[in-house]
Amino acid sequence: MRAAEERLQHVVQSSPAVLFTLHAENGQFGGINWISPNIETLLGYRAGEVLGGDWFLGNIHPEDREAVVNPFFTEIVRNNYFSAEYRFRHKDGSHRWIRGEIRLLRNAAGQPAEAIGSLADITQRKQLEDQFRQAQKMEVVGHLAGGIAHDFNNVLAVILGCCQFLENDVAVGGESRELVEEIYKAANRAASLTKQLLAFSRQQILRPMLLNLNEVVTEAVAMLDRLIGEDITVKTSLQSRLWPVKVDGGQMNQVIMNLAVNARDAMPQGGTLTIETSNVELDETYAQSHREVTAGSYVMLVVSDTGSGMDEQTKSRIFEPFFTTKETGKGTGLGLATVFGIVKQSEGHVTVDSELGTGTTFKVYLPRHETAATSEDATKVSTSAPRGTETILVAEDEEMLLKLASRILSSQGYAVLQAGDGEEALQMYRAHAGPIHLLLADVVMPKMSGRQLYDQLSAIQPGLKVLFMSGYTDDAVLRHGVLESTTNFLEKPFTYAALSTCVRRALDAM
């Protein structure tokens, strides 16, 4: 018996769960009459503080109490077992998620005699579940936003292109010219919004390069004065010998600007905006509590403010597109969603720490790259519209965009063949008597992708030059193997000059 008691004592002491018993008599349950000492480790209470009375029921979170108490008395008598997950008040006032299980023991007459139960802390599991659900929700919304933005970009490309043609046909200073210019401005604004949607959904075009993040911060800070106002003080703390990261410099500048604007709006009476950079190591413990993170070396960008802060409900939704706490007309709700998308597409992650009245801190983590940084940028597009006389085969399934691209190229002197999909383009190529100098193809088309079309044509005509175009780089585009060289890629919506320049560049490439 002594050996059995000692063994039982060791089991109780080594168990991560708290064990307890309840007195049961005549179908009535009393308070806890015994509990294992590790209750202090789990919830901060000493064993003597929890015996008897209504300690247990009184500390269940008010929102969970009804879902626990009522089913307990029904199920424990019927099934001799009850389990539930609920929030329970720690002695320090905070709440922990607990999984409680109770089994009912009956005497020889079948009457309830005693209940034996356990309490286990499942707070971390609940946090991971919440993160997973949030990630799933963001993924679904992201796909929806990206799909809408991609289709809308085709329409915007037509509007922008037609406006540029109209500008050449109407008199400068006239009312018609002013209307055309207003349409052009509105279309450009719409294009900017779709870019933010694509950034959130991680489907926009990124041109990453190795760079020092301090250079991006320094450039951004130089532009902040006119953006955030004189009543906000900007401070920086940039670590020297910062590790290089591989990101799109322009997009990271957008991240900083969006976070700065968010901070400005949280400090209407003025305050301090602090931007910091540092090298950090994220260990396995951190990765386990942030399921999207891989342990390793990161460069951390911190943007913090002394503003009004956020409550938990607001904080849980800040990265959702179109969610905003601002007045109608004061914001699109895409600023922080854009930050989220750019950081995720850059293989990093972003966290937020905020409480009402204490300000907000955003931390952006970008993975370290070993190769030395470079500032080379070969993606700039000339504002002029170079001409040519070559023959170009245009394959685009959006009819309006096909006509617009063909009209732009024809006006620049090129001979243009129009195809509504890959199969039609292939047939047109075979039927054409003369040489074709360039294939201009949409990436994703019905029947045959732009890449598949190019592969078949280049097998017939080795060395055929190609320029791909698309409104987004979703996995579908990557699967088609298009982004092997960003110099032969045109992002939608494009302008008259951008199309002309990229076509000329593709034709002149060695």
Protein backbone atom coordinates (compact mmCIF):
# COMPACT_ATOMS: atom_id res chain seq x y z
CA MET A 1 0.00 0.00 0.00
CA ARG A 2 2.82 2.39 0.86
CA ALA A 3 4.49 1.63 -2.48
CA ALA A 4 1.22 2.21 -4.32
CA GLU A 5 0.67 5.51 -2.50
CA GLU A 6 4.20 6.67 -3.31
CA ARG A 7 3.72 5.71 -6.95
CA LEU A 8 0.42 7.61 -7.08
CA GLN A 9 2.05 10.64 -5.48
CA HIS A 10 4.82 10.63 -8.11
CA VAL A 11 2.22 10.39 -10.88
CA VAL A 12 0.31 13.37 -9.48
CA GLN A 13 3.48 15.45 -9.06
CA SER A 14 4.74 14.72 -12.58
CA SER A 15 1.40 15.34 -14.30
CA PRO A 16 1.14 18.64 -16.24
CA ALA A 17 -2.59 18.60 -15.49
CA VAL A 18 -4.12 19.57 -12.16
CA LEU A 19 -6.09 16.72 -10.57
CA PHE A 20 -8.99 17.24 -8.17
CA THR A 21 -11.99 15.54 -6.58
CA LEU A 22 -15.53 16.71 -5.90
CA HIS A 23 -17.79 15.33 -3.21
CA ALA A 24 -21.05 13.94 -4.60
CA GLU A 25 -24.03 12.78 -2.56
CA ASN A 26 -27.72 12.31 -3.39
CA GLY A 27 -27.14 13.72 -6.86
CA GLN A 28 -25.67 16.90 -5.41
CA PHE A 29 -22.09 18.05 -5.99
CA GLY A 30 -20.15 19.97 -3.40
CA GLY A 31 -17.03 22.02 -3.84
CA ILE A 32 -13.51 20.70 -4.41
CA ASN A 33 -12.41 18.56 -1.47
CA TRP A 34 -8.92 17.73 -2.77
CA ILE A 35 -6.66 19.23 -5.46
CA SER A 36 -3.08 18.57 -6.52
CA PRO A 37 -0.48 21.16 -5.46
CA ASN A 38 0.41 22.13 -9.06
CA ILE A 39 -2.76 24.25 -9.11
CA GLU A 40 -0.45 27.08 -8.00
CA THR A 41 1.75 26.60 -11.06
CA LEU A 42 -1.24 26.47 -13.39
CA LEU A 43 -3.49 29.21 -12.03
CA GLY A 44 -1.59 30.89 -9.20
CA TYR A 45 -3.83 29.69 -6.33
CA ARG A 46 -2.60 27.67 -3.36
CA ALA A 47 -4.42 24.40 -2.76
CA GLY A 48 -6.00 25.67 0.45
CA GLU A 49 -7.60 28.62 -1.36
CA VAL A 50 -9.71 26.50 -3.69
CA LEU A 51 -11.25 23.92 -1.37
CA GLY A 52 -14.99 24.04 -0.77
CA GLY A 53 -17.31 26.90 -1.72
CA ASP A 54 -17.92 28.16 -5.23
CA TRP A 55 -14.32 28.94 -6.20
CA PHE A 56 -14.48 26.87 -9.35
CA LEU A 57 -17.76 28.15 -10.80
CA GLY A 58 -17.06 31.69 -9.69
CA ASN A 59 -13.83 31.95 -11.71
CA ILE A 60 -15.09 30.64 -15.04
CA HIS A 61 -15.25 33.51 -17.53
CA PRO A 62 -18.78 35.02 -17.46
CA GLU A 63 -19.18 34.51 -21.22
CA ASP A 64 -18.37 30.78 -20.90
CA ARG A 65 -20.18 30.00 -17.63
CA GLU A 66 -23.57 29.12 -19.07
CA ALA A 67 -22.03 26.79 -21.68
CA VAL A 68 -20.17 24.92 -18.90
CA VAL A 69 -22.48 24.86 -15.88
CA ASN A 70 -25.79 23.81 -17.41
CA PRO A 71 -24.47 20.91 -19.55
CA PHE A 72 -22.31 19.69 -16.65
CA PHE A 73 -25.21 18.67 -14.36
CA THR A 74 -27.04 17.01 -17.24
CA GLU A 75 -24.20 15.09 -18.88
CA ILE A 76 -22.28 14.01 -15.77
CA VAL A 77 -25.30 12.14 -14.39
CA ARG A 78 -26.31 10.68 -17.75
CA ASN A 79 -22.83 9.73 -19.11
CA ASN A 80 -20.65 9.70 -15.98
CA TYR A 81 -18.32 12.00 -17.92
CA PHE A 82 -18.11 15.66 -18.87
CA SER A 83 -15.49 17.74 -20.67
CA ALA A 84 -15.41 21.36 -21.76
CA GLU A 85 -13.03 24.11 -22.88
CA TYR A 86 -13.43 27.51 -21.27
CA ARG A 87 -11.60 30.57 -20.03
CA PHE A 88 -10.70 30.58 -16.35
CA ARG A 89 -9.48 33.48 -14.23
CA HIS A 90 -5.85 33.25 -13.07
CA LYS A 91 -5.08 34.66 -9.66
CA ASP A 92 -3.32 37.62 -11.34
CA GLY A 93 -6.63 38.58 -13.01
CA SER A 94 -5.83 37.33 -16.51
CA HIS A 95 -7.72 34.47 -18.15
CA ARG A 96 -6.28 31.18 -19.39
CA TRP A 97 -7.93 28.67 -21.66
CA ILE A 98 -8.57 25.44 -19.72
CA ARG A 99 -9.72 22.00 -20.77
CA GLY A 100 -11.58 20.41 -17.88
CA GLU A 101 -12.58 16.75 -17.64
CA ILE A 102 -14.63 15.10 -14.88
CA ARG A 103 -15.55 11.43 -14.37
CA LEU A 104 -18.27 10.35 -11.95
CA LEU A 105 -17.72 7.40 -9.61
CA ARG A 106 -20.77 5.56 -8.25
CA ASN A 107 -21.15 3.42 -5.17
CA ALA A 108 -22.34 -0.21 -5.05
CA ALA A 109 -25.95 0.99 -5.20
CA GLY A 110 -25.26 2.97 -8.36
CA GLN A 111 -25.55 6.34 -6.62
CA PRO A 112 -23.02 9.17 -7.32
CA ALA A 113 -20.25 9.01 -4.73
CA GLU A 114 -17.38 11.15 -5.99
CA ALA A 115 -16.20 12.98 -9.10
CA ILE A 116 -12.55 12.97 -10.21
CA GLY A 117 -11.38 15.64 -12.60
CA SER A 118 -8.42 17.29 -14.30
CA LEU A 119 -7.59 20.79 -15.53
CA ALA A 120 -5.10 21.37 -18.38
CA ASP A 121 -3.84 24.68 -19.77
CA ILE A 122 -4.61 24.85 -23.52
CA THR A 123 -4.00 28.59 -23.96
CA GLN A 124 -1.17 28.12 -26.46
CA ARG A 125 -3.20 25.67 -28.51
CA LYS A 126 -6.12 28.11 -28.63
CA GLN A 127 -3.80 30.90 -29.76
CA LEU A 128 -2.46 28.72 -32.57
CA GLU A 129 -6.00 27.79 -33.60
CA ASP A 130 -6.95 31.48 -33.70
CA GLN A 131 -3.88 32.25 -35.81
CA PHE A 132 -4.74 29.41 -38.18
CA ARG A 133 -8.37 30.55 -38.57
CA GLN A 134 -7.24 34.12 -39.16
CA ALA A 135 -4.72 32.96 -41.76
CA GLN A 136 -7.41 30.94 -43.53
CA LYS A 137 -9.78 33.89 -43.53
CA MET A 138 -7.11 36.22 -44.87
CA GLU A 139 -6.20 33.68 -47.56
CA VAL A 140 -9.80 33.43 -48.78
CA VAL A 141 -10.29 37.20 -48.77
CA GLY A 142 -6.93 37.58 -50.48
CA HIS A 143 -7.87 35.26 -53.34
CA LEU A 144 -11.15 37.12 -53.78
CA ALA A 145 -9.46 40.53 -53.72
CA GLY A 146 -6.74 39.39 -56.10
CA GLY A 147 -9.21 37.95 -58.59
CA ILE A 148 -11.31 41.12 -58.61
CA ALA A 149 -8.22 43.31 -58.95
CA HIS A 150 -6.86 41.22 -61.82
CA ASP A 151 -10.08 41.50 -63.83
CA PHE A 152 -10.43 45.18 -62.97
CA ASN A 153 -6.88 45.85 -64.16
CA ASN A 154 -7.86 44.74 -67.68
CA VAL A 155 -10.72 47.24 -67.68
CA LEU A 156 -8.49 50.00 -66.31
CA ALA A 157 -5.85 49.36 -68.95
CA VAL A 158 -8.50 49.99 -71.62
CA ILE A 159 -9.76 53.17 -69.90
CA LEU A 160 -6.25 54.56 -69.47
CA GLY A 161 -5.27 53.70 -73.03
CA CYS A 162 -8.39 55.23 -74.56
CA CYS A 163 -7.88 58.39 -72.51
CA GLN A 164 -4.38 58.76 -73.91
CA PHE A 165 -5.71 58.42 -77.46
CA LEU A 166 -8.46 60.97 -76.75
CA GLU A 167 -5.94 63.44 -75.35
CA ASN A 168 -4.32 63.59 -78.77
CA ASP A 169 -7.65 64.29 -80.50
CA VAL A 170 -9.11 67.07 -78.34
CA ALA A 171 -7.94 70.67 -78.07
CA VAL A 172 -5.78 71.69 -75.13
CA GLY A 173 -7.69 73.91 -72.68
CA GLY A 174 -11.13 72.91 -73.89
CA GLU A 175 -13.87 71.38 -71.75
CA SER A 176 -13.54 68.01 -73.48
CA ARG A 177 -9.83 67.91 -72.70
CA GLU A 178 -10.55 68.65 -69.04
CA LEU A 179 -13.09 65.82 -68.90
CA VAL A 180 -10.61 63.40 -70.44
CA GLU A 181 -7.99 64.43 -67.91
CA GLU A 182 -10.45 63.87 -65.04
CA ILE A 183 -11.25 60.39 -66.36
CA TYR A 184 -7.53 59.69 -66.59
CA LYS A 185 -6.96 60.83 -62.99
CA ALA A 186 -9.84 58.71 -61.70
CA ALA A 187 -8.60 55.66 -63.58
CA ASN A 188 -5.11 56.15 -62.17
CA ARG A 189 -6.54 56.33 -58.67
CA ALA A 190 -8.50 53.14 -59.30
CA ALA A 191 -5.30 51.50 -60.59
CA SER A 192 -3.56 52.51 -57.37
CA LEU A 193 -6.33 50.88 -55.32
CA THR A 194 -6.10 47.65 -57.31
CA LYS A 195 -2.35 47.60 -56.72
CA GLN A 196 -3.05 47.75 -52.99
CA LEU A 197 -5.54 44.89 -53.31
CA LEU A 198 -2.96 42.85 -55.18
CA ALA A 199 -0.37 43.69 -52.54
CA PHE A 200 -2.69 42.46 -49.81
CA SER A 201 -3.43 39.25 -51.70
CA ARG A 202 0.30 38.78 -52.43
CA GLN A 203 -0.36 38.78 -56.17
CA GLN A 204 1.32 42.00 -57.27
CA ILE A 205 4.52 42.19 -59.25
CA LEU A 206 7.58 42.38 -56.99
CA ARG A 207 11.07 43.05 -58.28
CA PRO A 208 13.18 42.05 -55.30
CA MET A 209 16.84 42.95 -55.04
CA LEU A 210 19.45 42.69 -52.31
CA LEU A 211 19.67 45.92 -50.33
CA ASN A 212 20.32 47.43 -46.95
CA LEU A 213 17.00 48.25 -45.26
CA ASN A 214 18.57 51.29 -43.61
CA GLU A 215 18.78 52.93 -47.05
CA VAL A 216 15.04 52.42 -47.59
CA VAL A 217 14.26 53.84 -44.12
CA THR A 218 16.48 56.87 -44.68
CA GLU A 219 14.83 57.58 -48.02
CA ALA A 220 11.35 57.19 -46.53
CA VAL A 221 12.06 59.39 -43.51
CA ALA A 222 13.19 62.20 -45.84
CA MET A 223 9.65 62.27 -47.27
CA LEU A 224 7.74 61.93 -44.00
CA ASP A 225 7.73 65.60 -42.95
CA ARG A 226 5.15 66.65 -45.51
CA LEU A 227 3.17 63.45 -44.94
CA ILE A 228 2.68 63.36 -41.18
CA GLY A 229 2.79 67.04 -40.10
CA GLU A 230 4.96 69.24 -37.90
CA ASP A 231 3.35 68.20 -34.61
CA ILE A 232 4.80 64.68 -34.84
CA THR A 233 8.45 64.09 -34.01
CA VAL A 234 10.21 61.40 -36.05
CA LYS A 235 13.04 59.48 -34.39
CA THR A 236 15.20 56.75 -35.92
CA SER A 237 17.50 54.14 -34.45
CA LEU A 238 19.21 52.23 -37.24
CA GLN A 239 21.63 49.43 -36.45
CA SER A 240 24.95 49.64 -38.25
CA ARG A 241 26.15 46.62 -40.24
CA LEU A 242 22.58 45.61 -40.90
CA TRP A 243 22.22 42.28 -42.70
CA PRO A 244 21.07 42.50 -46.34
CA VAL A 245 17.53 41.54 -47.28
CA LYS A 246 16.01 40.67 -50.64
CA VAL A 247 12.95 42.86 -51.12
CA ASP A 248 11.36 45.27 -53.55
CA GLY A 249 12.69 48.65 -52.39
CA GLY A 250 9.67 50.56 -53.67
CA GLN A 251 7.24 48.22 -51.94
CA MET A 252 9.16 48.39 -48.65
CA ASN A 253 9.05 52.17 -48.90
CA GLN A 254 5.27 51.78 -49.23
CA VAL A 255 5.23 49.62 -46.08
CA ILE A 256 6.99 52.35 -44.08
CA MET A 257 4.74 55.07 -45.49
CA ASN A 258 1.56 53.15 -44.71
CA LEU A 259 2.69 52.43 -41.15
CA ALA A 260 3.64 56.10 -40.72
CA VAL A 261 0.23 57.26 -41.94
CA ASN A 262 -1.46 54.82 -39.58
CA ALA A 263 0.63 56.23 -36.72
CA ARG A 264 -0.19 59.80 -37.73
CA ASP A 265 -3.92 59.09 -37.61
CA ALA A 266 -3.49 57.61 -34.11
CA MET A 267 -1.84 60.86 -32.90
CA PRO A 268 -4.23 63.70 -33.87
CA GLN A 269 -2.75 65.90 -31.12
CA GLY A 270 0.84 65.11 -32.06
CA GLY A 271 3.34 62.67 -30.61
CA THR A 272 6.44 60.67 -31.48
CA LEU A 273 6.96 58.26 -34.36
CA THR A 274 9.96 55.98 -33.92
CA ILE A 275 11.49 53.83 -36.67
CA GLU A 276 14.13 51.26 -35.76
CA THR A 277 16.09 48.52 -37.52
CA SER A 278 18.12 45.67 -36.03
CA ASN A 279 19.42 42.17 -36.68
CA VAL A 280 17.53 39.50 -34.74
CA GLU A 281 17.50 35.73 -34.34
CA LEU A 282 14.11 34.05 -34.05
CA ASP A 283 14.41 30.74 -32.25
CA GLU A 284 12.29 27.60 -32.34
CA THR A 285 10.25 28.75 -29.35
CA TYR A 286 9.20 31.88 -31.24
CA ALA A 287 8.48 29.85 -34.39
CA GLN A 288 6.26 27.44 -32.44
CA SER A 289 4.07 30.30 -31.23
CA HIS A 290 3.96 31.91 -34.71
CA ARG A 291 3.05 29.08 -37.07
CA GLU A 292 3.97 31.01 -40.24
CA VAL A 293 7.55 31.70 -39.10
CA THR A 294 10.68 29.63 -39.71
CA ALA A 295 13.38 29.97 -37.08
CA GLY A 296 16.47 31.80 -38.32
CA SER A 297 18.14 35.18 -38.92
CA TYR A 298 15.97 38.20 -39.69
CA VAL A 299 16.21 41.95 -40.12
CA MET A 300 13.59 43.64 -37.96
CA LEU A 301 11.89 46.93 -38.83
CA VAL A 302 10.01 48.50 -35.92
CA VAL A 303 7.54 51.37 -36.36
CA SER A 304 6.00 52.61 -33.10
CA ASP A 305 3.90 55.58 -32.04
CA THR A 306 2.68 57.23 -28.85
CA GLY A 307 -0.90 57.40 -30.05
CA SER A 308 -4.26 56.19 -28.79
CA GLY A 309 -3.61 52.48 -29.28
CA MET A 310 -6.18 49.78 -30.06
CA ASP A 311 -8.41 47.38 -28.20
CA GLU A 312 -8.19 43.63 -28.80
CA GLN A 313 -11.14 43.53 -31.18
CA THR A 314 -9.68 46.23 -33.43
CA LYS A 315 -6.22 44.68 -33.28
CA SER A 316 -7.56 41.33 -34.46
CA ARG A 317 -8.93 42.89 -37.66
CA ILE A 318 -6.43 45.57 -38.68
CA PHE A 319 -4.93 43.61 -41.56
CA GLU A 320 -8.29 42.84 -43.15
CA PRO A 321 -8.94 44.75 -46.40
CA PHE A 322 -11.50 47.56 -46.14
CA PHE A 323 -11.57 47.39 -42.34
CA THR A 324 -11.10 50.89 -40.97
CA THR A 325 -11.92 52.82 -37.83
CA LYS A 326 -11.85 56.13 -39.70
CA GLU A 327 -14.81 58.19 -40.77
CA THR A 328 -16.42 57.52 -44.13
CA GLY A 329 -14.29 59.06 -46.86
CA LYS A 330 -11.21 59.34 -44.63
CA GLY A 331 -9.61 56.02 -45.57
CA THR A 332 -9.93 52.97 -47.83
CA GLY A 333 -9.03 50.38 -45.21
CA LEU A 334 -6.28 49.06 -47.48
CA GLY A 335 -3.18 50.61 -45.87
CA LEU A 336 -2.39 47.90 -43.34
CA ALA A 337 -3.74 45.17 -45.61
CA THR A 338 -1.16 46.32 -48.15
CA VAL A 339 1.57 46.13 -45.49
CA PHE A 340 0.50 42.60 -44.63
CA GLY A 341 0.55 41.46 -48.25
CA ILE A 342 3.91 43.02 -49.16
CA VAL A 343 5.62 41.57 -46.10
CA LYS A 344 4.14 38.11 -46.65
CA GLN A 345 5.09 38.09 -50.31
CA SER A 346 8.61 39.11 -49.27
CA GLU A 347 8.72 35.91 -47.15
CA GLY A 348 8.57 37.89 -43.91
CA HIS A 349 5.95 38.41 -41.27
CA VAL A 350 4.50 41.30 -39.29
CA THR A 351 3.22 41.58 -35.72
CA VAL A 352 1.40 44.29 -33.81
CA ASP A 353 1.46 45.14 -30.11
CA SER A 354 -1.01 47.72 -28.85
CA GLU A 355 -3.23 48.65 -25.93
CA LEU A 356 -5.64 51.52 -25.52
CA GLY A 357 -3.80 54.63 -24.36
CA THR A 358 -0.30 53.14 -24.71
CA GLY A 359 0.44 53.51 -28.44
CA THR A 360 1.11 50.89 -31.07
CA THR A 361 4.20 49.02 -32.23
CA PHE A 362 4.47 47.18 -35.56
CA LYS A 363 7.37 44.78 -36.08
CA VAL A 364 8.27 43.62 -39.57
CA TYR A 365 10.65 40.66 -39.88
CA LEU A 366 12.45 40.06 -43.20
CA PRO A 367 14.70 37.03 -43.74
CA ARG A 368 18.44 37.64 -43.93
CA HIS A 369 20.29 37.12 -47.23
CA GLU A 370 24.00 36.46 -47.33
CA THR A 371 24.95 38.09 -50.64
CA ALA A 372 26.17 41.68 -50.59
CA ALA A 373 23.52 44.27 -51.36
CA THR A 374 23.21 46.01 -54.70
CA SER A 375 21.15 48.98 -55.78
CA GLU A 376 20.94 48.07 -59.46
CA ASP A 377 17.51 48.72 -60.91
CA ALA A 378 16.76 47.79 -64.48
CA THR A 379 12.98 48.08 -64.22
CA LYS A 380 12.47 51.76 -65.02
CA VAL A 381 10.30 52.52 -68.02
CA SER A 382 10.87 55.43 -70.32
CA THR A 383 8.12 58.03 -70.52
CA SER A 384 8.62 58.30 -74.31
CA ALA A 385 6.96 55.97 -76.83
CA PRO A 386 9.61 54.41 -79.13
CA ARG A 387 8.48 53.29 -82.57
CA GLY A 388 9.21 50.33 -84.84
CA THR A 389 8.25 48.48 -88.01
CA GLU A 390 8.48 44.84 -86.89
CA THR A 391 5.62 42.33 -86.89
CA ILE A 392 4.11 41.54 -83.50
CA LEU A 393 1.70 38.72 -82.66
CA VAL A 394 -0.58 39.79 -79.78
CA ALA A 395 -2.38 37.04 -77.82
CA GLU A 396 -4.89 38.32 -75.25
CA ASP A 397 -8.25 36.81 -74.27
CA GLU A 398 -9.74 40.13 -73.06
CA GLU A 399 -11.13 41.53 -76.33
CA MET A 400 -11.09 45.21 -75.33
CA LEU A 401 -7.48 44.96 -74.14
CA LEU A 402 -6.47 43.05 -77.27
CA LYS A 403 -7.86 45.84 -79.45
CA LEU A 404 -6.23 48.56 -77.33
CA ALA A 405 -2.77 46.96 -77.34
CA SER A 406 -3.02 46.39 -81.08
CA ARG A 407 -4.08 49.98 -81.69
CA ILE A 408 -1.20 51.36 -79.61
CA LEU A 409 1.35 49.22 -81.44
CA SER A 410 -0.15 49.99 -84.86
CA SER A 411 0.05 53.72 -84.09
CA GLN A 412 3.75 53.22 -83.36
CA GLY A 413 4.38 51.74 -86.77
CA TYR A 414 4.31 48.01 -86.00
CA ALA A 415 2.46 45.39 -88.04
CA VAL A 416 0.09 43.63 -85.63
CA LEU A 417 -1.60 40.23 -85.69
CA GLN A 418 -4.45 39.79 -83.16
CA ALA A 419 -5.35 36.49 -81.49
CA GLY A 420 -7.99 35.93 -78.79
CA ASP A 421 -6.28 32.89 -77.23
CA GLY A 422 -3.24 30.66 -77.54
CA GLU A 423 -4.68 28.22 -80.06
CA GLU A 424 -5.80 31.03 -82.37
CA ALA A 425 -2.34 32.61 -82.07
CA LEU A 426 -0.70 29.33 -83.02
CA GLN A 427 -2.94 28.97 -86.08
CA MET A 428 -2.32 32.60 -87.06
CA TYR A 429 1.44 32.10 -86.80
CA ARG A 430 1.36 29.07 -89.08
CA ALA A 431 -0.82 30.88 -91.63
CA HIS A 432 1.32 34.04 -91.66
CA ALA A 433 3.65 34.24 -94.67
CA GLY A 434 6.31 36.59 -93.30
CA PRO A 435 8.44 36.58 -90.15
CA ILE A 436 7.05 37.38 -86.70
CA HIS A 437 9.54 39.30 -84.60
CA LEU A 438 7.81 39.35 -81.20
CA LEU A 439 5.10 37.51 -79.29
CA LEU A 440 3.15 39.72 -76.86
CA ALA A 441 1.13 37.26 -74.76
CA ASP A 442 -1.10 37.37 -71.70
CA VAL A 443 0.12 34.85 -69.14
CA VAL A 444 -3.17 33.13 -68.26
CA MET A 445 -5.51 32.44 -71.17
CA PRO A 446 -8.11 29.74 -71.88
CA LYS A 447 -7.05 26.65 -73.87
CA MET A 448 -3.34 27.51 -73.77
CA SER A 449 -1.23 29.69 -71.46
CA GLY A 450 1.09 32.38 -72.73
CA ARG A 451 4.11 30.30 -71.72
CA GLN A 452 2.82 27.18 -73.49
CA LEU A 453 2.16 29.25 -76.61
CA TYR A 454 5.69 30.67 -76.54
CA ASP A 455 7.24 27.21 -76.05
CA GLN A 456 5.43 25.87 -79.12
CA LEU A 457 6.25 28.90 -81.28
CA SER A 458 9.91 29.00 -80.25
CA ALA A 459 10.19 25.31 -81.21
CA ILE A 460 9.11 26.34 -84.72
CA GLN A 461 11.10 29.60 -84.76
CA PRO A 462 14.11 29.38 -82.40
CA GLY A 463 15.07 32.75 -80.99
CA LEU A 464 11.56 34.21 -81.17
CA LYS A 465 11.38 37.13 -78.77
CA VAL A 466 8.58 37.38 -76.22
CA LEU A 467 7.00 39.88 -73.86
CA PHE A 468 4.57 38.47 -71.29
CA MET A 469 1.90 40.60 -69.61
CA SER A 470 -0.40 40.04 -66.64
CA GLY A 471 -2.18 41.85 -63.86
CA TYR A 472 -0.85 39.63 -61.09
CA THR A 473 1.79 37.00 -60.31
CA ASP A 474 -0.30 34.53 -58.36
CA ASP A 475 0.90 30.92 -58.12
CA ALA A 476 -0.81 30.32 -61.47
CA VAL A 477 1.65 32.67 -63.17
CA LEU A 478 4.64 31.20 -61.38
CA ARG A 479 3.51 27.69 -62.32
CA HIS A 480 3.54 28.76 -65.94
CA GLY A 481 7.24 29.55 -65.58
CA VAL A 482 6.94 33.14 -66.77
CA LEU A 483 8.93 35.11 -64.23
CA GLU A 484 12.34 33.80 -65.22
CA SER A 485 13.29 37.29 -66.38
CA THR A 486 11.41 40.38 -65.23
CA THR A 487 12.85 42.42 -68.14
CA ASN A 488 10.38 40.63 -70.46
CA PHE A 489 7.31 41.18 -68.31
CA LEU A 490 4.73 43.99 -68.56
CA GLU A 491 2.44 44.66 -65.63
CA LYS A 492 -1.21 45.56 -66.18
CA PRO A 493 -2.67 48.11 -66.29
CA PHE A 494 -0.07 49.58 -68.63
CA THR A 495 0.18 52.96 -70.28
CA TYR A 496 0.80 53.82 -73.92
CA ALA A 497 4.43 54.66 -73.17
CA ALA A 498 5.02 51.61 -70.97
CA LEU A 499 3.77 49.18 -73.63
CA SER A 500 5.79 50.88 -76.36
CA THR A 501 8.96 50.96 -74.26
CA CYS A 502 8.72 47.33 -73.11
CA VAL A 503 8.01 46.11 -76.65
CA ARG A 504 11.00 48.02 -78.01
CA ARG A 505 13.21 46.74 -75.19
CA ALA A 506 12.16 43.14 -75.86
CA LEU A 507 12.81 43.53 -79.59
CA ASP A 508 16.24 45.10 -79.05
CA ALA A 509 17.38 42.56 -76.46
CA MET A 510 20.28 40.38 -77.57
